[in-house]
Amino acid sequence: DNIRVLDWIIRRVNNEDVADVSPVGLLPKKGSINLDGLNVDWDKLISIPKDYWASDIDETLKWLDEQLGDDLPQDIRKEIQKQKDRLSQP
């Protein structure tokens, strides 16, 4: 079943229009992954509430701070902050 996602990745790398922009990055467009033979609810599968993402970012940053402290590259901190900013937009 992993070939379904690999197929999507290859199509994405080949610049096919198979992704939507989201605050957390590019997500597969509805229908862009072959789900034949699977019993899944696409909308439920692909939706993760913003409050979950915000909490996850805070936990990730806390873990990075505990593990790396001042050794965490500033570029990573900046990217995490950019993601937090995107999530806070309506």
C-alpha atoms as a PDB file:
ATOM      1  CA  ASP A   1       0.000   0.000   0.000  1.00  0.00           C
ATOM      2  CA  ASN A   2       2.961   2.355   0.428  1.00  0.00           C
ATOM      3  CA  ILE A   3       3.242   2.506  -3.357  1.00  0.00           C
ATOM      4  CA  ARG A   4       0.136   4.723  -3.338  1.00  0.00           C
ATOM      5  CA  VAL A   5       2.009   7.434  -1.439  1.00  0.00           C
ATOM      6  CA  LEU A   6       5.219   6.907  -3.406  1.00  0.00           C
ATOM      7  CA  ASP A   7       3.228   7.352  -6.616  1.00  0.00           C
ATOM      8  CA  TRP A   8       1.878  10.654  -5.262  1.00  0.00           C
ATOM      9  CA  ILE A   9       5.375  11.795  -4.258  1.00  0.00           C
ATOM     10  CA  ILE A  10       6.774  11.039  -7.700  1.00  0.00           C
ATOM     11  CA  ARG A  11       3.906  12.869  -9.376  1.00  0.00           C
ATOM     12  CA  ARG A  12       4.443  15.828  -7.020  1.00  0.00           C
ATOM     13  CA  VAL A  13       8.188  15.907  -7.785  1.00  0.00           C
ATOM     14  CA  ASN A  14       7.295  15.851 -11.493  1.00  0.00           C
ATOM     15  CA  ASN A  15       5.275  19.045 -10.921  1.00  0.00           C
ATOM     16  CA  GLU A  16       1.853  17.477 -11.383  1.00  0.00           C
ATOM     17  CA  ASP A  17      -0.965  19.452  -9.768  1.00  0.00           C
ATOM     18  CA  VAL A  18      -1.584  16.964  -6.946  1.00  0.00           C
ATOM     19  CA  ALA A  19      -1.032  19.114  -3.832  1.00  0.00           C
ATOM     20  CA  ASP A  20      -2.780  21.887  -1.950  1.00  0.00           C
ATOM     21  CA  VAL A  21      -0.920  24.446   0.123  1.00  0.00           C
ATOM     22  CA  SER A  22      -1.679  24.319   3.840  1.00  0.00           C
ATOM     23  CA  PRO A  23      -0.199  25.998   6.920  1.00  0.00           C
ATOM     24  CA  VAL A  24       1.853  22.847   7.547  1.00  0.00           C
ATOM     25  CA  GLY A  25       3.042  22.347   3.981  1.00  0.00           C
ATOM     26  CA  LEU A  26       1.746  20.630   0.887  1.00  0.00           C
ATOM     27  CA  LEU A  27      -1.050  18.112   1.342  1.00  0.00           C
ATOM     28  CA  PRO A  28      -2.443  15.726  -1.249  1.00  0.00           C
ATOM     29  CA  LYS A  29      -5.434  17.010  -3.203  1.00  0.00           C
ATOM     30  CA  LYS A  30      -8.595  14.992  -2.876  1.00  0.00           C
ATOM     31  CA  GLY A  31      -8.452  12.196  -5.419  1.00  0.00           C
ATOM     32  CA  SER A  32      -4.703  12.515  -5.994  1.00  0.00           C
ATOM     33  CA  ILE A  33      -3.891   9.325  -4.085  1.00  0.00           C
ATOM     34  CA  ASN A  34      -5.283   6.051  -5.345  1.00  0.00           C
ATOM     35  CA  LEU A  35      -7.574   4.738  -2.615  1.00  0.00           C
ATOM     36  CA  ASP A  36      -9.119   1.919  -4.656  1.00  0.00           C
ATOM     37  CA  GLY A  37      -9.982  -1.013  -2.427  1.00  0.00           C
ATOM     38  CA  LEU A  38      -9.630   0.995   0.767  1.00  0.00           C
ATOM     39  CA  ASN A  39     -12.497   1.998   3.005  1.00  0.00           C
ATOM     40  CA  VAL A  40     -11.417   5.481   4.104  1.00  0.00           C
ATOM     41  CA  ASP A  41     -13.078   8.842   4.608  1.00  0.00           C
ATOM     42  CA  TRP A  42     -10.743  11.252   2.792  1.00  0.00           C
ATOM     43  CA  ASP A  43     -11.919  14.356   4.624  1.00  0.00           C
ATOM     44  CA  LYS A  44     -11.441  12.704   8.002  1.00  0.00           C
ATOM     45  CA  LEU A  45      -8.113  11.213   6.951  1.00  0.00           C
ATOM     46  CA  ILE A  46      -6.592  14.492   5.780  1.00  0.00           C
ATOM     47  CA  SER A  47      -7.999  16.867   8.394  1.00  0.00           C
ATOM     48  CA  ILE A  48      -6.056  17.664  11.536  1.00  0.00           C
ATOM     49  CA  PRO A  49      -7.292  20.547  13.697  1.00  0.00           C
ATOM     50  CA  LYS A  50      -5.142  23.671  13.957  1.00  0.00           C
ATOM     51  CA  ASP A  51      -5.058  23.405  17.741  1.00  0.00           C
ATOM     52  CA  TYR A  52      -3.441  19.969  17.398  1.00  0.00           C
ATOM     53  CA  TRP A  53      -0.761  21.368  15.086  1.00  0.00           C
ATOM     54  CA  ALA A  54      -0.116  24.321  17.415  1.00  0.00           C
ATOM     55  CA  SER A  55       0.250  21.982  20.387  1.00  0.00           C
ATOM     56  CA  ASP A  56       2.522  19.685  18.391  1.00  0.00           C
ATOM     57  CA  ILE A  57       4.766  22.598  17.399  1.00  0.00           C
ATOM     58  CA  ASP A  58       5.084  23.686  21.029  1.00  0.00           C
ATOM     59  CA  GLU A  59       5.963  20.154  22.116  1.00  0.00           C
ATOM     60  CA  THR A  60       8.503  19.794  19.310  1.00  0.00           C
ATOM     61  CA  LEU A  61      10.203  23.067  20.168  1.00  0.00           C
ATOM     62  CA  LYS A  62      10.283  22.124  23.854  1.00  0.00           C
ATOM     63  CA  TRP A  63      11.895  18.781  23.006  1.00  0.00           C
ATOM     64  CA  LEU A  64      14.445  20.435  20.706  1.00  0.00           C
ATOM     65  CA  ASP A  65      15.295  22.963  23.416  1.00  0.00           C
ATOM     66  CA  GLU A  66      15.756  20.188  25.977  1.00  0.00           C
ATOM     67  CA  GLN A  67      17.903  18.119  23.637  1.00  0.00           C
ATOM     68  CA  LEU A  68      19.924  20.828  21.887  1.00  0.00           C
ATOM     69  CA  GLY A  69      19.439  24.075  23.767  1.00  0.00           C
ATOM     70  CA  ASP A  70      21.552  26.811  22.202  1.00  0.00           C
ATOM     71  CA  ASP A  71      22.944  24.316  19.669  1.00  0.00           C
ATOM     72  CA  LEU A  72      19.618  24.279  17.818  1.00  0.00           C
ATOM     73  CA  PRO A  73      20.287  26.191  14.589  1.00  0.00           C
ATOM     74  CA  GLN A  74      18.477  29.532  14.383  1.00  0.00           C
ATOM     75  CA  ASP A  75      17.209  28.627  10.902  1.00  0.00           C
ATOM     76  CA  ILE A  76      15.222  25.767  12.436  1.00  0.00           C
ATOM     77  CA  ARG A  77      13.788  28.094  15.084  1.00  0.00           C
ATOM     78  CA  LYS A  78      12.807  30.544  12.329  1.00  0.00           C
ATOM     79  CA  GLU A  79      11.048  27.826  10.322  1.00  0.00           C
ATOM     80  CA  ILE A  80       9.155  26.663  13.406  1.00  0.00           C
ATOM     81  CA  GLN A  81       8.082  30.246  14.085  1.00  0.00           C
ATOM     82  CA  LYS A  82       6.963  30.672  10.453  1.00  0.00           C
ATOM     83  CA  GLN A  83       4.827  27.550  10.790  1.00  0.00           C
ATOM     84  CA  LYS A  84       3.294  28.853  14.035  1.00  0.00           C
ATOM     85  CA  ASP A  85       2.549  32.151  12.278  1.00  0.00           C
ATOM     86  CA  ARG A  86       0.871  30.373   9.343  1.00  0.00           C
ATOM     87  CA  LEU A  87      -1.272  28.337  11.729  1.00  0.00           C
ATOM     88  CA  SER A  88      -2.441  31.427  13.565  1.00  0.00           C
ATOM     89  CA  GLN A  89      -3.852  32.956  10.374  1.00  0.00           C
ATOM     90  CA  PRO A  90      -7.565  32.449   9.702  1.00  0.00           C
END
